[in-house]
Amino acid sequence: DSGSLDSIWALKDVSFDVKAGEVVGIIGRNGAGKSTLLKILSRITRP
């Protein structure tokens, strides 16, 4: 039902706004999706 048996969702329905001048810490366990999120924000990979 979730799609391919050979797929992993590193991020799922993540929404937030960051205001200009804000310093935001992103925390979570290994595999939580932190690095994937930063790669998307850096335009290294597409969502």
All heavy atoms as atom14 arrays in JSON, in Angstrom:
{
  "sequence": "DSGSLDSIWALKDVSFDVKAGEVVGIIGRNGAGKSTLLKILSRITRP",
  "atom14_mask": [
    [1, 1, 1, 1, 1, 1, 1, 1, 0, 0, 0, 0, 0, 0],
    [1, 1, 1, 1, 1, 1, 0, 0, 0, 0, 0, 0, 0, 0],
    [1, 1, 1, 1, 0, 0, 0, 0, 0, 0, 0, 0, 0, 0],
    [1, 1, 1, 1, 1, 1, 0, 0, 0, 0, 0, 0, 0, 0],
    [1, 1, 1, 1, 1, 1, 1, 1, 0, 0, 0, 0, 0, 0],
    [1, 1, 1, 1, 1, 1, 1, 1, 0, 0, 0, 0, 0, 0],
    [1, 1, 1, 1, 1, 1, 0, 0, 0, 0, 0, 0, 0, 0],
    [1, 1, 1, 1, 1, 1, 1, 1, 0, 0, 0, 0, 0, 0],
    [1, 1, 1, 1, 1, 1, 1, 1, 1, 1, 1, 1, 1, 1],
    [1, 1, 1, 1, 1, 0, 0, 0, 0, 0, 0, 0, 0, 0],
    [1, 1, 1, 1, 1, 1, 1, 1, 0, 0, 0, 0, 0, 0],
    [1, 1, 1, 1, 1, 1, 1, 1, 1, 0, 0, 0, 0, 0],
    [1, 1, 1, 1, 1, 1, 1, 1, 0, 0, 0, 0, 0, 0],
    [1, 1, 1, 1, 1, 1, 1, 0, 0, 0, 0, 0, 0, 0],
    [1, 1, 1, 1, 1, 1, 0, 0, 0, 0, 0, 0, 0, 0],
    [1, 1, 1, 1, 1, 1, 1, 1, 1, 1, 1, 0, 0, 0],
    [1, 1, 1, 1, 1, 1, 1, 1, 0, 0, 0, 0, 0, 0],
    [1, 1, 1, 1, 1, 1, 1, 0, 0, 0, 0, 0, 0, 0],
    [1, 1, 1, 1, 1, 1, 1, 1, 1, 0, 0, 0, 0, 0],
    [1, 1, 1, 1, 1, 0, 0, 0, 0, 0, 0, 0, 0, 0],
    [1, 1, 1, 1, 0, 0, 0, 0, 0, 0, 0, 0, 0, 0],
    [1, 1, 1, 1, 1, 1, 1, 1, 1, 0, 0, 0, 0, 0],
    [1, 1, 1, 1, 1, 1, 1, 0, 0, 0, 0, 0, 0, 0],
    [1, 1, 1, 1, 1, 1, 1, 0, 0, 0, 0, 0, 0, 0],
    [1, 1, 1, 1, 0, 0, 0, 0, 0, 0, 0, 0, 0, 0],
    [1, 1, 1, 1, 1, 1, 1, 1, 0, 0, 0, 0, 0, 0],
    [1, 1, 1, 1, 1, 1, 1, 1, 0, 0, 0, 0, 0, 0],
    [1, 1, 1, 1, 0, 0, 0, 0, 0, 0, 0, 0, 0, 0],
    [1, 1, 1, 1, 1, 1, 1, 1, 1, 1, 1, 0, 0, 0],
    [1, 1, 1, 1, 1, 1, 1, 1, 0, 0, 0, 0, 0, 0],
    [1, 1, 1, 1, 0, 0, 0, 0, 0, 0, 0, 0, 0, 0],
    [1, 1, 1, 1, 1, 0, 0, 0, 0, 0, 0, 0, 0, 0],
    [1, 1, 1, 1, 0, 0, 0, 0, 0, 0, 0, 0, 0, 0],
    [1, 1, 1, 1, 1, 1, 1, 1, 1, 0, 0, 0, 0, 0],
    [1, 1, 1, 1, 1, 1, 0, 0, 0, 0, 0, 0, 0, 0],
    [1, 1, 1, 1, 1, 1, 1, 0, 0, 0, 0, 0, 0, 0],
    [1, 1, 1, 1, 1, 1, 1, 1, 0, 0, 0, 0, 0, 0],
    [1, 1, 1, 1, 1, 1, 1, 1, 0, 0, 0, 0, 0, 0],
    [1, 1, 1, 1, 1, 1, 1, 1, 1, 0, 0, 0, 0, 0],
    [1, 1, 1, 1, 1, 1, 1, 1, 0, 0, 0, 0, 0, 0],
    [1, 1, 1, 1, 1, 1, 1, 1, 0, 0, 0, 0, 0, 0],
    [1, 1, 1, 1, 1, 1, 0, 0, 0, 0, 0, 0, 0, 0],
    [1, 1, 1, 1, 1, 1, 1, 1, 1, 1, 1, 0, 0, 0],
    [1, 1, 1, 1, 1, 1, 1, 1, 0, 0, 0, 0, 0, 0],
    [1, 1, 1, 1, 1, 1, 1, 0, 0, 0, 0, 0, 0, 0],
    [1, 1, 1, 1, 1, 1, 1, 1, 1, 1, 1, 0, 0, 0],
    [1, 1, 1, 1, 1, 1, 1, 0, 0, 0, 0, 0, 0, 0]
  ],
  "atom14_positions": [
    [[0.81, -1.21, 0.0], [0.0, 0.0, 0.0], [0.84, 1.26, 0.0], [0.39, 2.32, -0.43], [-0.95, 0.01, 1.21], [-1.98, -1.1, 1.14], [-2.26, -1.55, 0.01], [-2.51, -1.51, 2.2], [0.0, 0.0, 0.0], [0.0, 0.0, 0.0], [0.0, 0.0, 0.0], [0.0, 0.0, 0.0], [0.0, 0.0, 0.0], [0.0, 0.0, 0.0]],
    [[2.04, 1.23, 0.53], [2.88, 2.42, 0.61], [3.71, 2.64, -0.64], [4.46, 3.59, -0.74], [3.82, 2.3, 1.82], [4.66, 1.18, 1.66], [0.0, 0.0, 0.0], [0.0, 0.0, 0.0], [0.0, 0.0, 0.0], [0.0, 0.0, 0.0], [0.0, 0.0, 0.0], [0.0, 0.0, 0.0], [0.0, 0.0, 0.0], [0.0, 0.0, 0.0]],
    [[3.56, 1.78, -1.63], [4.35, 1.9, -2.85], [5.25, 0.71, -3.02], [4.9, -0.42, -2.71], [0.0, 0.0, 0.0], [0.0, 0.0, 0.0], [0.0, 0.0, 0.0], [0.0, 0.0, 0.0], [0.0, 0.0, 0.0], [0.0, 0.0, 0.0], [0.0, 0.0, 0.0], [0.0, 0.0, 0.0], [0.0, 0.0, 0.0], [0.0, 0.0, 0.0]],
    [[6.45, 0.93, -3.5], [7.36, -0.15, -3.76], [7.86, -0.78, -2.46], [8.11, -0.1, -1.48], [8.55, 0.35, -4.58], [9.53, -0.64, -4.68], [0.0, 0.0, 0.0], [0.0, 0.0, 0.0], [0.0, 0.0, 0.0], [0.0, 0.0, 0.0], [0.0, 0.0, 0.0], [0.0, 0.0, 0.0], [0.0, 0.0, 0.0], [0.0, 0.0, 0.0]],
    [[8.01, -2.08, -2.48], [8.61, -2.77, -1.36], [10.06, -2.36, -1.18], [10.63, -2.53, -0.11], [8.5, -4.28, -1.57], [7.13, -4.91, -1.41], [7.17, -6.38, -1.82], [6.65, -4.81, 0.04], [0.0, 0.0, 0.0], [0.0, 0.0, 0.0], [0.0, 0.0, 0.0], [0.0, 0.0, 0.0], [0.0, 0.0, 0.0], [0.0, 0.0, 0.0]],
    [[10.66, -1.86, -2.22], [12.06, -1.46, -2.21], [12.21, 0.05, -2.07], [13.04, 0.65, -2.71], [12.75, -1.95, -3.47], [12.72, -3.46, -3.61], [12.82, -4.13, -2.58], [12.58, -3.93, -4.73], [0.0, 0.0, 0.0], [0.0, 0.0, 0.0], [0.0, 0.0, 0.0], [0.0, 0.0, 0.0], [0.0, 0.0, 0.0], [0.0, 0.0, 0.0]],
    [[11.43, 0.67, -1.24], [11.51, 2.11, -1.06], [11.51, 2.47, 0.42], [10.95, 1.76, 1.25], [10.36, 2.82, -1.77], [9.12, 2.53, -1.16], [0.0, 0.0, 0.0], [0.0, 0.0, 0.0], [0.0, 0.0, 0.0], [0.0, 0.0, 0.0], [0.0, 0.0, 0.0], [0.0, 0.0, 0.0], [0.0, 0.0, 0.0], [0.0, 0.0, 0.0]],
    [[12.16, 3.58, 0.72], [12.23, 4.12, 2.08], [11.88, 5.6, 2.03], [12.41, 6.33, 1.19], [13.63, 3.93, 2.69], [13.98, 2.45, 2.81], [13.73, 4.6, 4.04], [15.42, 2.2, 3.26], [0.0, 0.0, 0.0], [0.0, 0.0, 0.0], [0.0, 0.0, 0.0], [0.0, 0.0, 0.0], [0.0, 0.0, 0.0], [0.0, 0.0, 0.0]],
    [[10.99, 6.03, 2.91], [10.65, 7.44, 3.01], [11.55, 8.07, 4.07], [11.34, 7.89, 5.27], [9.18, 7.63, 3.37], [8.26, 7.31, 2.21], [7.67, 6.11, 1.96], [7.88, 8.19, 1.17], [6.92, 6.19, 0.8], [7.04, 7.47, 0.3], [8.16, 9.53, 0.87], [6.46, 8.03, -0.84], [7.6, 10.1, -0.26], [6.76, 9.36, -1.1]],
    [[12.55, 8.81, 3.64], [13.46, 9.49, 4.57], [12.78, 10.68, 5.22], [13.1, 11.04, 6.36], [14.72, 9.94, 3.83], [0.0, 0.0, 0.0], [0.0, 0.0, 0.0], [0.0, 0.0, 0.0], [0.0, 0.0, 0.0], [0.0, 0.0, 0.0], [0.0, 0.0, 0.0], [0.0, 0.0, 0.0], [0.0, 0.0, 0.0], [0.0, 0.0, 0.0]],
    [[11.86, 11.32, 4.52], [11.05, 12.42, 5.04], [9.61, 12.22, 4.61], [9.35, 11.7, 3.51], [11.54, 13.77, 4.53], [12.91, 14.27, 5.0], [13.29, 15.53, 4.23], [12.91, 14.54, 6.49], [0.0, 0.0, 0.0], [0.0, 0.0, 0.0], [0.0, 0.0, 0.0], [0.0, 0.0, 0.0], [0.0, 0.0, 0.0], [0.0, 0.0, 0.0]],
    [[8.68, 12.62, 5.44], [7.27, 12.46, 5.12], [6.46, 13.64, 5.66], [6.36, 13.85, 6.87], [6.72, 11.15, 5.71], [5.37, 10.74, 5.15], [5.43, 10.4, 3.67], [4.07, 9.96, 3.14], [4.08, 9.72, 1.67], [0.0, 0.0, 0.0], [0.0, 0.0, 0.0], [0.0, 0.0, 0.0], [0.0, 0.0, 0.0], [0.0, 0.0, 0.0]],
    [[5.94, 14.47, 4.74], [5.03, 15.57, 5.08], [5.61, 16.54, 6.11], [4.99, 16.85, 7.13], [3.68, 15.04, 5.57], [2.85, 14.41, 4.45], [3.02, 14.81, 3.29], [2.04, 13.52, 4.75], [0.0, 0.0, 0.0], [0.0, 0.0, 0.0], [0.0, 0.0, 0.0], [0.0, 0.0, 0.0], [0.0, 0.0, 0.0], [0.0, 0.0, 0.0]],
    [[6.82, 17.0, 5.85], [7.48, 17.94, 6.76], [7.19, 19.37, 6.31], [7.48, 19.74, 5.19], [9.0, 17.69, 6.8], [9.71, 18.77, 7.61], [9.29, 16.31, 7.37], [0.0, 0.0, 0.0], [0.0, 0.0, 0.0], [0.0, 0.0, 0.0], [0.0, 0.0, 0.0], [0.0, 0.0, 0.0], [0.0, 0.0, 0.0], [0.0, 0.0, 0.0]],
    [[6.62, 20.16, 7.2], [6.28, 21.54, 6.9], [6.75, 22.46, 8.03], [6.58, 22.14, 9.21], [4.77, 21.72, 6.72], [4.27, 20.93, 5.65], [0.0, 0.0, 0.0], [0.0, 0.0, 0.0], [0.0, 0.0, 0.0], [0.0, 0.0, 0.0], [0.0, 0.0, 0.0], [0.0, 0.0, 0.0], [0.0, 0.0, 0.0], [0.0, 0.0, 0.0]],
    [[7.36, 23.59, 7.66], [7.76, 24.59, 8.64], [8.16, 25.87, 7.91], [8.46, 25.86, 6.72], [8.93, 24.1, 9.51], [10.17, 23.73, 8.73], [11.11, 24.69, 8.38], [10.39, 22.42, 8.35], [12.25, 24.34, 7.67], [11.53, 22.07, 7.63], [12.46, 23.04, 7.29], [0.0, 0.0, 0.0], [0.0, 0.0, 0.0], [0.0, 0.0, 0.0]],
    [[8.15, 26.98, 8.64], [8.64, 28.27, 8.15], [9.78, 28.72, 9.06], [9.69, 28.6, 10.28], [7.54, 29.33, 8.16], [6.45, 29.07, 7.12], [6.65, 28.17, 6.27], [5.41, 29.75, 7.17], [0.0, 0.0, 0.0], [0.0, 0.0, 0.0], [0.0, 0.0, 0.0], [0.0, 0.0, 0.0], [0.0, 0.0, 0.0], [0.0, 0.0, 0.0]],
    [[10.83, 29.24, 8.46], [11.93, 29.83, 9.22], [12.02, 31.3, 8.83], [12.19, 31.63, 7.65], [13.26, 29.12, 8.93], [14.4, 29.81, 9.67], [13.19, 27.65, 9.32], [0.0, 0.0, 0.0], [0.0, 0.0, 0.0], [0.0, 0.0, 0.0], [0.0, 0.0, 0.0], [0.0, 0.0, 0.0], [0.0, 0.0, 0.0], [0.0, 0.0, 0.0]],
    [[11.93, 32.18, 9.81], [12.01, 33.61, 9.55], [13.46, 34.04, 9.32], [14.39, 33.42, 9.83], [11.39, 34.39, 10.69], [9.88, 34.2, 10.82], [9.3, 35.08, 11.92], [7.79, 34.93, 11.99], [7.19, 35.77, 13.06], [0.0, 0.0, 0.0], [0.0, 0.0, 0.0], [0.0, 0.0, 0.0], [0.0, 0.0, 0.0], [0.0, 0.0, 0.0]],
    [[13.6, 35.11, 8.57], [14.92, 35.66, 8.32], [15.58, 36.06, 9.63], [14.95, 36.67, 10.5], [14.82, 36.86, 7.39], [0.0, 0.0, 0.0], [0.0, 0.0, 0.0], [0.0, 0.0, 0.0], [0.0, 0.0, 0.0], [0.0, 0.0, 0.0], [0.0, 0.0, 0.0], [0.0, 0.0, 0.0], [0.0, 0.0, 0.0], [0.0, 0.0, 0.0]],
    [[16.85, 35.69, 9.8], [17.58, 36.01, 11.02], [17.42, 35.0, 12.13], [18.05, 35.14, 13.19], [0.0, 0.0, 0.0], [0.0, 0.0, 0.0], [0.0, 0.0, 0.0], [0.0, 0.0, 0.0], [0.0, 0.0, 0.0], [0.0, 0.0, 0.0], [0.0, 0.0, 0.0], [0.0, 0.0, 0.0], [0.0, 0.0, 0.0], [0.0, 0.0, 0.0]],
    [[16.61, 33.96, 11.93], [16.42, 32.93, 12.94], [17.56, 31.92, 12.9], [18.13, 31.64, 11.85], [15.1, 32.19, 12.72], [14.04, 32.45, 13.66], [12.84, 31.54, 13.61], [12.22, 31.44, 12.56], [12.51, 30.94, 14.64], [0.0, 0.0, 0.0], [0.0, 0.0, 0.0], [0.0, 0.0, 0.0], [0.0, 0.0, 0.0], [0.0, 0.0, 0.0]],
    [[17.89, 31.37, 14.07], [18.84, 30.28, 14.17], [18.08, 29.06, 14.65], [17.57, 29.03, 15.78], [19.99, 30.62, 15.14], [21.01, 29.48, 15.16], [20.66, 31.92, 14.75], [0.0, 0.0, 0.0], [0.0, 0.0, 0.0], [0.0, 0.0, 0.0], [0.0, 0.0, 0.0], [0.0, 0.0, 0.0], [0.0, 0.0, 0.0], [0.0, 0.0, 0.0]],
    [[17.99, 28.05, 13.8], [17.16, 26.88, 14.07], [18.05, 25.65, 14.2], [18.84, 25.34, 13.3], [16.12, 26.66, 12.96], [15.25, 25.44, 13.27], [15.25, 27.89, 12.78], [0.0, 0.0, 0.0], [0.0, 0.0, 0.0], [0.0, 0.0, 0.0], [0.0, 0.0, 0.0], [0.0, 0.0, 0.0], [0.0, 0.0, 0.0], [0.0, 0.0, 0.0]],
    [[17.92, 24.95, 15.31], [18.6, 23.69, 15.5], [17.71, 22.54, 15.05], [16.52, 22.53, 15.34], [0.0, 0.0, 0.0], [0.0, 0.0, 0.0], [0.0, 0.0, 0.0], [0.0, 0.0, 0.0], [0.0, 0.0, 0.0], [0.0, 0.0, 0.0], [0.0, 0.0, 0.0], [0.0, 0.0, 0.0], [0.0, 0.0, 0.0], [0.0, 0.0, 0.0]],
    [[18.27, 21.59, 14.35], [17.53, 20.42, 13.87], [18.13, 19.2, 14.55], [19.31, 18.9, 14.37], [17.6, 20.29, 12.34], [17.06, 21.56, 11.67], [16.8, 19.08, 11.87], [17.24, 21.59, 10.17], [0.0, 0.0, 0.0], [0.0, 0.0, 0.0], [0.0, 0.0, 0.0], [0.0, 0.0, 0.0], [0.0, 0.0, 0.0], [0.0, 0.0, 0.0]],
    [[17.33, 18.5, 15.35], [17.83, 17.38, 16.12], [17.0, 16.13, 15.85], [15.88, 16.21, 15.34], [17.86, 17.68, 17.64], [16.45, 17.99, 18.16], [18.79, 18.85, 17.92], [16.42, 18.25, 19.66], [0.0, 0.0, 0.0], [0.0, 0.0, 0.0], [0.0, 0.0, 0.0], [0.0, 0.0, 0.0], [0.0, 0.0, 0.0], [0.0, 0.0, 0.0]],
    [[17.54, 15.0, 16.22], [16.89, 13.72, 16.01], [17.91, 12.61, 15.96], [19.12, 12.86, 15.81], [0.0, 0.0, 0.0], [0.0, 0.0, 0.0], [0.0, 0.0, 0.0], [0.0, 0.0, 0.0], [0.0, 0.0, 0.0], [0.0, 0.0, 0.0], [0.0, 0.0, 0.0], [0.0, 0.0, 0.0], [0.0, 0.0, 0.0], [0.0, 0.0, 0.0]],
    [[17.48, 11.39, 16.07], [18.37, 10.25, 16.04], [18.95, 10.06, 14.65], [18.46, 10.62, 13.67], [17.63, 8.98, 16.46], [17.06, 9.03, 17.85], [16.42, 7.72, 18.24], [17.42, 6.66, 18.4], [17.16, 5.46, 18.89], [15.93, 5.15, 19.25], [18.11, 4.56, 19.01], [0.0, 0.0, 0.0], [0.0, 0.0, 0.0], [0.0, 0.0, 0.0]],
    [[20.0, 9.26, 14.56], [20.52, 8.88, 13.25], [19.42, 8.2, 12.45], [18.73, 7.31, 12.94], [21.7, 7.92, 13.4], [22.95, 8.61, 13.95], [23.09, 9.82, 13.84], [23.85, 7.83, 14.53], [0.0, 0.0, 0.0], [0.0, 0.0, 0.0], [0.0, 0.0, 0.0], [0.0, 0.0, 0.0], [0.0, 0.0, 0.0], [0.0, 0.0, 0.0]],
    [[19.26, 8.64, 11.19], [18.2, 8.1, 10.35], [16.88, 8.82, 10.47], [15.89, 8.41, 9.84], [0.0, 0.0, 0.0], [0.0, 0.0, 0.0], [0.0, 0.0, 0.0], [0.0, 0.0, 0.0], [0.0, 0.0, 0.0], [0.0, 0.0, 0.0], [0.0, 0.0, 0.0], [0.0, 0.0, 0.0], [0.0, 0.0, 0.0], [0.0, 0.0, 0.0]],
    [[16.84, 9.9, 11.25], [15.58, 10.63, 11.44], [15.22, 11.48, 10.22], [14.08, 11.91, 10.09], [15.66, 11.51, 12.68], [0.0, 0.0, 0.0], [0.0, 0.0, 0.0], [0.0, 0.0, 0.0], [0.0, 0.0, 0.0], [0.0, 0.0, 0.0], [0.0, 0.0, 0.0], [0.0, 0.0, 0.0], [0.0, 0.0, 0.0], [0.0, 0.0, 0.0]],
    [[16.21, 11.75, 9.34], [15.94, 12.55, 8.15], [16.6, 13.91, 8.15], [16.36, 14.73, 7.27], [0.0, 0.0, 0.0], [0.0, 0.0, 0.0], [0.0, 0.0, 0.0], [0.0, 0.0, 0.0], [0.0, 0.0, 0.0], [0.0, 0.0, 0.0], [0.0, 0.0, 0.0], [0.0, 0.0, 0.0], [0.0, 0.0, 0.0], [0.0, 0.0, 0.0]],
    [[17.47, 14.18, 9.14], [18.08, 15.5, 9.28], [18.93, 15.86, 8.07], [18.77, 16.92, 7.47], [18.93, 15.55, 10.55], [18.21, 15.17, 11.82], [19.07, 15.34, 13.05], [20.32, 14.47, 13.03], [20.03, 13.02, 13.02], [0.0, 0.0, 0.0], [0.0, 0.0, 0.0], [0.0, 0.0, 0.0], [0.0, 0.0, 0.0], [0.0, 0.0, 0.0]],
    [[19.86, 14.98, 7.71], [20.77, 15.26, 6.6], [20.02, 15.32, 5.28], [20.36, 16.13, 4.4], [21.87, 14.2, 6.55], [22.69, 14.26, 7.72], [0.0, 0.0, 0.0], [0.0, 0.0, 0.0], [0.0, 0.0, 0.0], [0.0, 0.0, 0.0], [0.0, 0.0, 0.0], [0.0, 0.0, 0.0], [0.0, 0.0, 0.0], [0.0, 0.0, 0.0]],
    [[19.01, 14.48, 5.12], [18.2, 14.52, 3.9], [17.51, 15.88, 3.77], [17.48, 16.47, 2.69], [17.15, 13.39, 3.91], [17.81, 12.13, 3.95], [16.27, 13.47, 2.68], [0.0, 0.0, 0.0], [0.0, 0.0, 0.0], [0.0, 0.0, 0.0], [0.0, 0.0, 0.0], [0.0, 0.0, 0.0], [0.0, 0.0, 0.0], [0.0, 0.0, 0.0]],
    [[16.97, 16.38, 4.87], [16.32, 17.68, 4.86], [17.3, 18.78, 4.45], [16.97, 19.64, 3.62], [15.72, 17.98, 6.23], [15.06, 19.36, 6.4], [13.91, 19.54, 5.42], [14.57, 19.55, 7.84], [0.0, 0.0, 0.0], [0.0, 0.0, 0.0], [0.0, 0.0, 0.0], [0.0, 0.0, 0.0], [0.0, 0.0, 0.0], [0.0, 0.0, 0.0]],
    [[18.51, 18.75, 5.01], [19.48, 19.78, 4.67], [19.91, 19.68, 3.2], [20.17, 20.7, 2.56], [20.71, 19.67, 5.57], [20.5, 19.97, 7.06], [21.84, 20.21, 7.75], [19.58, 21.16, 7.3], [0.0, 0.0, 0.0], [0.0, 0.0, 0.0], [0.0, 0.0, 0.0], [0.0, 0.0, 0.0], [0.0, 0.0, 0.0], [0.0, 0.0, 0.0]],
    [[20.01, 18.47, 2.66], [20.35, 18.31, 1.25], [19.27, 18.89, 0.35], [19.56, 19.47, -0.7], [20.59, 16.83, 0.92], [21.9, 16.28, 1.48], [22.05, 14.8, 1.17], [23.36, 14.27, 1.75], [23.52, 12.81, 1.51], [0.0, 0.0, 0.0], [0.0, 0.0, 0.0], [0.0, 0.0, 0.0], [0.0, 0.0, 0.0], [0.0, 0.0, 0.0]],
    [[18.02, 18.73, 0.76], [16.91, 19.32, -0.01], [16.96, 20.84, 0.09], [16.79, 21.54, -0.91], [15.56, 18.77, 0.49], [15.44, 17.28, 0.14], [14.4, 19.54, -0.13], [14.21, 16.62, 0.73], [0.0, 0.0, 0.0], [0.0, 0.0, 0.0], [0.0, 0.0, 0.0], [0.0, 0.0, 0.0], [0.0, 0.0, 0.0], [0.0, 0.0, 0.0]],
    [[17.21, 21.35, 1.3], [17.3, 22.8, 1.48], [18.46, 23.39, 0.7], [18.4, 24.52, 0.23], [17.45, 23.13, 2.97], [16.26, 22.83, 3.88], [16.64, 23.02, 5.34], [15.08, 23.71, 3.53], [0.0, 0.0, 0.0], [0.0, 0.0, 0.0], [0.0, 0.0, 0.0], [0.0, 0.0, 0.0], [0.0, 0.0, 0.0], [0.0, 0.0, 0.0]],
    [[19.54, 22.61, 0.55], [20.72, 23.07, -0.18], [20.62, 22.83, -1.68], [21.56, 23.12, -2.43], [21.97, 22.38, 0.37], [22.12, 22.59, 1.75], [0.0, 0.0, 0.0], [0.0, 0.0, 0.0], [0.0, 0.0, 0.0], [0.0, 0.0, 0.0], [0.0, 0.0, 0.0], [0.0, 0.0, 0.0], [0.0, 0.0, 0.0], [0.0, 0.0, 0.0]],
    [[19.5, 22.29, -2.15], [19.25, 22.01, -3.56], [20.2, 20.95, -4.12], [20.44, 20.89, -5.33], [19.34, 23.29, -4.41], [18.5, 24.45, -3.91], [17.03, 24.14, -3.94], [16.25, 25.23, -3.36], [15.34, 25.94, -3.98], [15.13, 25.67, -5.2], [14.67, 26.91, -3.41], [0.0, 0.0, 0.0], [0.0, 0.0, 0.0], [0.0, 0.0, 0.0]],
    [[20.72, 20.1, -3.23], [21.55, 18.99, -3.69], [20.68, 17.85, -4.2], [21.03, 17.16, -5.15], [22.46, 18.5, -2.54], [23.47, 19.59, -2.2], [23.18, 17.2, -2.9], [24.32, 19.31, -0.99], [0.0, 0.0, 0.0], [0.0, 0.0, 0.0], [0.0, 0.0, 0.0], [0.0, 0.0, 0.0], [0.0, 0.0, 0.0], [0.0, 0.0, 0.0]],
    [[19.54, 17.65, -3.57], [18.58, 16.65, -4.03], [17.2, 17.27, -4.04], [16.95, 18.27, -3.34], [18.62, 15.39, -3.12], [17.81, 14.37, -3.68], [18.12, 15.71, -1.72], [0.0, 0.0, 0.0], [0.0, 0.0, 0.0], [0.0, 0.0, 0.0], [0.0, 0.0, 0.0], [0.0, 0.0, 0.0], [0.0, 0.0, 0.0], [0.0, 0.0, 0.0]],
    [[16.31, 16.71, -4.81], [14.96, 17.25, -4.93], [14.0, 16.44, -4.07], [14.16, 15.22, -3.93], [14.5, 17.22, -6.38], [15.33, 18.05, -7.3], [14.84, 17.94, -8.72], [13.44, 18.39, -8.85], [12.92, 18.91, -9.92], [13.67, 19.08, -10.95], [11.65, 19.26, -9.97], [0.0, 0.0, 0.0], [0.0, 0.0, 0.0], [0.0, 0.0, 0.0]],
    [[12.98, 17.09, -3.52], [11.98, 16.33, -2.77], [11.12, 15.49, -3.71], [10.88, 15.88, -4.85], [11.15, 17.43, -2.08], [11.29, 18.63, -2.94], [12.67, 18.55, -3.52], [0.0, 0.0, 0.0], [0.0, 0.0, 0.0], [0.0, 0.0, 0.0], [0.0, 0.0, 0.0], [0.0, 0.0, 0.0], [0.0, 0.0, 0.0], [0.0, 0.0, 0.0]]
  ]
}
